Amino acid sequence: MRGYLAAIAIFCNEVKGKSALAISRDLGLSYKAAFVLLHKLREAMAEELKGRVVGGEGKVAEVDGGYFGGYIKPANMKENRRDRRLVRN
């Protein structure tokens, strides 16, 4: 039980989550056991948030620090490619 609680505490206190490899090292578990444990934690968290809607009628959803748009990478056409292995290029 202590292992489960320690894994939950470590997982929830990380900003971007925690990898199974790091959990296995921290708690002395096998990678497979840590992977299954984290998978079950993520499933439980997703089940809790199921059906919730961001914003909605009379509510406003705001996002800070988002950047959208900018440079669009051109298509990689075969006729426009340069073979840099050749002397002429």
N, C-alpha and C. Protein backbone atom coordinates (compact mmCIF):
# COMPACT_ATOMS: atom_id res chain seq x y z
N MET A 1 0.82 -1.19 0.00
CA MET A 1 0.00 0.00 0.00
C MET A 1 0.87 1.25 0.00
N ARG A 2 1.98 1.20 0.72
CA ARG A 2 2.88 2.35 0.73
C ARG A 2 3.41 2.65 -0.66
N GLY A 3 3.71 1.59 -1.41
CA GLY A 3 4.21 1.77 -2.77
C GLY A 3 3.20 2.47 -3.66
N TYR A 4 1.92 2.08 -3.53
CA TYR A 4 0.88 2.74 -4.32
C TYR A 4 0.76 4.21 -3.96
N LEU A 5 0.75 4.49 -2.66
CA LEU A 5 0.62 5.89 -2.22
C LEU A 5 1.84 6.72 -2.62
N ALA A 6 3.01 6.12 -2.54
CA ALA A 6 4.22 6.83 -2.95
C ALA A 6 4.19 7.12 -4.45
N ALA A 7 3.74 6.15 -5.24
CA ALA A 7 3.65 6.36 -6.68
C ALA A 7 2.64 7.45 -7.01
N ILE A 8 1.50 7.46 -6.33
CA ILE A 8 0.49 8.50 -6.56
C ILE A 8 1.04 9.86 -6.18
N ALA A 9 1.73 9.95 -5.06
CA ALA A 9 2.29 11.23 -4.63
C ALA A 9 3.35 11.73 -5.60
N ILE A 10 4.23 10.86 -6.04
CA ILE A 10 5.28 11.25 -6.99
C ILE A 10 4.67 11.68 -8.32
N PHE A 11 3.71 10.90 -8.79
CA PHE A 11 3.08 11.17 -10.09
C PHE A 11 2.32 12.49 -10.07
N CYS A 12 1.58 12.75 -9.00
CA CYS A 12 0.75 13.96 -8.93
C CYS A 12 1.56 15.21 -8.64
N ASN A 13 2.72 15.08 -8.06
CA ASN A 13 3.52 16.26 -7.73
C ASN A 13 4.41 16.72 -8.89
N GLU A 14 4.49 15.95 -9.94
CA GLU A 14 5.27 16.37 -11.10
C GLU A 14 4.43 17.30 -11.98
N VAL A 15 5.09 18.26 -12.60
CA VAL A 15 4.38 19.22 -13.43
C VAL A 15 3.83 18.56 -14.69
N LYS A 16 4.64 17.77 -15.35
CA LYS A 16 4.23 17.14 -16.61
C LYS A 16 4.10 15.63 -16.49
N GLY A 17 3.82 15.14 -15.31
CA GLY A 17 3.72 13.70 -15.12
C GLY A 17 5.08 13.10 -14.87
N LYS A 18 5.12 11.81 -14.74
CA LYS A 18 6.37 11.11 -14.43
C LYS A 18 6.42 9.86 -15.29
N SER A 19 7.57 9.56 -15.83
CA SER A 19 7.71 8.38 -16.68
C SER A 19 7.75 7.11 -15.85
N ALA A 20 7.40 6.01 -16.48
CA ALA A 20 7.41 4.72 -15.79
C ALA A 20 8.83 4.33 -15.41
N LEU A 21 9.80 4.68 -16.25
CA LEU A 21 11.19 4.36 -15.95
C LEU A 21 11.66 5.08 -14.69
N ALA A 22 11.28 6.35 -14.55
CA ALA A 22 11.67 7.12 -13.37
C ALA A 22 10.98 6.58 -12.11
N ILE A 23 9.70 6.22 -12.24
CA ILE A 23 8.98 5.64 -11.09
C ILE A 23 9.61 4.31 -10.68
N SER A 24 9.99 3.50 -11.68
CA SER A 24 10.60 2.21 -11.35
C SER A 24 11.92 2.39 -10.63
N ARG A 25 12.69 3.41 -11.02
CA ARG A 25 13.95 3.68 -10.32
C ARG A 25 13.70 4.21 -8.92
N ASP A 26 12.74 5.14 -8.79
CA ASP A 26 12.48 5.77 -7.49
C ASP A 26 11.94 4.78 -6.45
N LEU A 27 11.08 3.88 -6.89
CA LEU A 27 10.41 2.98 -5.95
C LEU A 27 10.99 1.58 -5.91
N GLY A 28 11.95 1.28 -6.78
CA GLY A 28 12.55 -0.04 -6.81
C GLY A 28 11.64 -1.10 -7.40
N LEU A 29 10.79 -0.70 -8.33
CA LEU A 29 9.88 -1.63 -9.01
C LEU A 29 10.46 -2.03 -10.35
N SER A 30 9.89 -3.04 -10.95
CA SER A 30 10.26 -3.34 -12.33
C SER A 30 9.58 -2.32 -13.24
N TYR A 31 10.11 -2.16 -14.43
CA TYR A 31 9.54 -1.20 -15.38
C TYR A 31 8.10 -1.58 -15.71
N LYS A 32 7.86 -2.86 -15.91
CA LYS A 32 6.52 -3.32 -16.29
C LYS A 32 5.50 -3.00 -15.20
N ALA A 33 5.87 -3.23 -13.93
CA ALA A 33 4.97 -2.94 -12.83
C ALA A 33 4.69 -1.44 -12.73
N ALA A 34 5.73 -0.62 -12.92
CA ALA A 34 5.55 0.83 -12.88
C ALA A 34 4.68 1.31 -14.03
N PHE A 35 4.87 0.71 -15.21
CA PHE A 35 4.08 1.08 -16.38
C PHE A 35 2.60 0.78 -16.16
N VAL A 36 2.31 -0.40 -15.64
CA VAL A 36 0.92 -0.79 -15.39
C VAL A 36 0.30 0.11 -14.32
N LEU A 37 1.06 0.41 -13.28
CA LEU A 37 0.56 1.27 -12.21
C LEU A 37 0.23 2.66 -12.74
N LEU A 38 1.14 3.25 -13.51
CA LEU A 38 0.89 4.57 -14.06
C LEU A 38 -0.26 4.56 -15.06
N HIS A 39 -0.38 3.48 -15.83
CA HIS A 39 -1.49 3.37 -16.78
C HIS A 39 -2.83 3.36 -16.04
N LYS A 40 -2.88 2.63 -14.93
CA LYS A 40 -4.11 2.59 -14.14
C LYS A 40 -4.41 3.94 -13.51
N LEU A 41 -3.38 4.65 -13.07
CA LEU A 41 -3.59 5.99 -12.52
C LEU A 41 -4.14 6.94 -13.57
N ARG A 42 -3.56 6.89 -14.77
CA ARG A 42 -4.04 7.77 -15.85
C ARG A 42 -5.46 7.43 -16.25
N GLU A 43 -5.81 6.15 -16.29
CA GLU A 43 -7.18 5.74 -16.61
C GLU A 43 -8.16 6.25 -15.56
N ALA A 44 -7.77 6.16 -14.30
CA ALA A 44 -8.65 6.63 -13.22
C ALA A 44 -8.84 8.14 -13.30
N MET A 45 -7.78 8.87 -13.63
CA MET A 45 -7.89 10.32 -13.76
C MET A 45 -8.76 10.69 -14.96
N ALA A 46 -8.63 9.97 -16.05
CA ALA A 46 -9.43 10.24 -17.24
C ALA A 46 -10.90 9.93 -16.98
N GLU A 47 -11.17 8.87 -16.24
CA GLU A 47 -12.56 8.49 -15.92
C GLU A 47 -13.22 9.56 -15.07
N GLU A 48 -12.44 10.16 -14.18
CA GLU A 48 -12.98 11.21 -13.31
C GLU A 48 -13.38 12.44 -14.13
N LEU A 49 -12.63 12.76 -15.16
CA LEU A 49 -12.90 13.95 -15.96
C LEU A 49 -13.81 13.68 -17.15
N LYS A 50 -14.27 12.46 -17.30
CA LYS A 50 -15.11 12.09 -18.44
C LYS A 50 -16.44 12.84 -18.39
N GLY A 51 -16.82 13.42 -19.53
CA GLY A 51 -18.09 14.12 -19.61
C GLY A 51 -18.03 15.58 -19.23
N ARG A 52 -16.91 16.04 -18.71
CA ARG A 52 -16.79 17.46 -18.37
C ARG A 52 -16.52 18.27 -19.61
N VAL A 53 -17.10 19.46 -19.66
CA VAL A 53 -16.96 20.34 -20.82
C VAL A 53 -16.22 21.60 -20.39
N VAL A 54 -15.25 22.01 -21.21
CA VAL A 54 -14.53 23.25 -20.94
C VAL A 54 -15.37 24.39 -21.47
N GLY A 55 -15.59 25.39 -20.64
CA GLY A 55 -16.42 26.51 -21.07
C GLY A 55 -17.88 26.12 -20.95
N GLY A 56 -18.65 26.37 -21.99
CA GLY A 56 -20.06 26.04 -21.97
C GLY A 56 -20.89 27.30 -21.91
N GLU A 57 -22.18 27.13 -21.74
CA GLU A 57 -23.08 28.27 -21.74
C GLU A 57 -22.85 29.14 -20.51
N GLY A 58 -22.58 30.41 -20.75
CA GLY A 58 -22.35 31.34 -19.66
C GLY A 58 -20.98 31.25 -19.02
N LYS A 59 -20.10 30.41 -19.56
CA LYS A 59 -18.75 30.26 -19.02
C LYS A 59 -17.74 30.62 -20.08
N VAL A 60 -16.58 31.04 -19.65
CA VAL A 60 -15.50 31.41 -20.57
C VAL A 60 -14.29 30.57 -20.25
N ALA A 61 -13.69 29.97 -21.29
CA ALA A 61 -12.45 29.22 -21.12
C ALA A 61 -11.31 30.05 -21.68
N GLU A 62 -10.27 30.25 -20.90
CA GLU A 62 -9.14 31.07 -21.33
C GLU A 62 -7.87 30.22 -21.35
N VAL A 63 -6.99 30.52 -22.31
CA VAL A 63 -5.71 29.85 -22.42
C VAL A 63 -4.63 30.91 -22.42
N ASP A 64 -3.65 30.77 -21.55
CA ASP A 64 -2.55 31.73 -21.49
C ASP A 64 -1.31 31.13 -22.13
N GLY A 65 -0.54 31.95 -22.81
CA GLY A 65 0.75 31.53 -23.34
C GLY A 65 0.65 30.69 -24.59
N GLY A 66 -0.45 30.72 -25.28
CA GLY A 66 -0.57 29.94 -26.52
C GLY A 66 -0.11 30.76 -27.71
N TYR A 67 0.61 30.15 -28.63
CA TYR A 67 1.01 30.80 -29.86
C TYR A 67 0.56 29.93 -31.02
N PHE A 68 -0.25 30.49 -31.88
CA PHE A 68 -0.79 29.72 -32.99
C PHE A 68 -0.46 30.45 -34.28
N GLY A 69 -0.15 29.69 -35.31
CA GLY A 69 0.17 30.30 -36.60
C GLY A 69 1.66 30.35 -36.80
N GLY A 70 2.09 31.21 -37.70
CA GLY A 70 3.51 31.37 -37.94
C GLY A 70 3.93 30.78 -39.26
N TYR A 71 5.15 30.29 -39.32
CA TYR A 71 5.75 29.81 -40.55
C TYR A 71 5.14 28.49 -41.00
N ILE A 72 4.77 28.43 -42.26
CA ILE A 72 4.28 27.17 -42.83
C ILE A 72 5.40 26.58 -43.67
N LYS A 73 5.80 25.38 -43.32
CA LYS A 73 6.90 24.72 -44.01
C LYS A 73 6.46 24.34 -45.43
N PRO A 74 7.28 24.70 -46.44
CA PRO A 74 6.89 24.36 -47.81
C PRO A 74 6.93 22.85 -48.05
N ALA A 75 6.18 22.43 -49.05
CA ALA A 75 6.12 21.00 -49.39
C ALA A 75 7.49 20.52 -49.85
N ASN A 76 7.80 19.29 -49.57
CA ASN A 76 9.09 18.71 -49.92
C ASN A 76 8.96 18.00 -51.27
N MET A 77 9.02 18.79 -52.34
CA MET A 77 8.87 18.23 -53.69
C MET A 77 10.19 17.65 -54.17
N LYS A 78 10.11 16.54 -54.84
CA LYS A 78 11.31 15.84 -55.29
C LYS A 78 12.12 16.69 -56.25
N GLU A 79 11.45 17.43 -57.14
CA GLU A 79 12.18 18.24 -58.13
C GLU A 79 12.90 19.43 -57.49
N ASN A 80 12.52 19.83 -56.29
CA ASN A 80 13.17 20.96 -55.61
C ASN A 80 14.31 20.54 -54.70
N ARG A 81 14.51 19.24 -54.52
CA ARG A 81 15.55 18.75 -53.60
C ARG A 81 16.93 18.90 -54.22
N ARG A 82 17.92 19.09 -53.34
CA ARG A 82 19.32 19.14 -53.77
C ARG A 82 20.04 17.98 -53.11
N ASP A 83 20.77 17.23 -53.92
CA ASP A 83 21.57 16.13 -53.39
C ASP A 83 22.92 16.71 -52.99
N ARG A 84 23.12 16.98 -51.73
CA ARG A 84 24.33 17.66 -51.25
C ARG A 84 25.57 16.78 -51.31
N ARG A 85 25.38 15.52 -51.68
CA ARG A 85 26.55 14.65 -51.84
C ARG A 85 27.26 14.91 -53.14
N LEU A 86 26.56 15.52 -54.09
CA LEU A 86 27.15 15.79 -55.41
C LEU A 86 28.01 17.04 -55.38
N VAL A 87 29.05 17.09 -56.19
CA VAL A 87 30.01 18.20 -56.21
C VAL A 87 29.31 19.49 -56.69
N ARG A 88 28.41 19.39 -57.65
CA ARG A 88 27.77 20.59 -58.20
C ARG A 88 26.85 21.29 -57.20
N ASN A 89 26.46 20.60 -56.15
CA ASN A 89 25.58 21.21 -55.15
C ASN A 89 26.37 21.59 -53.91
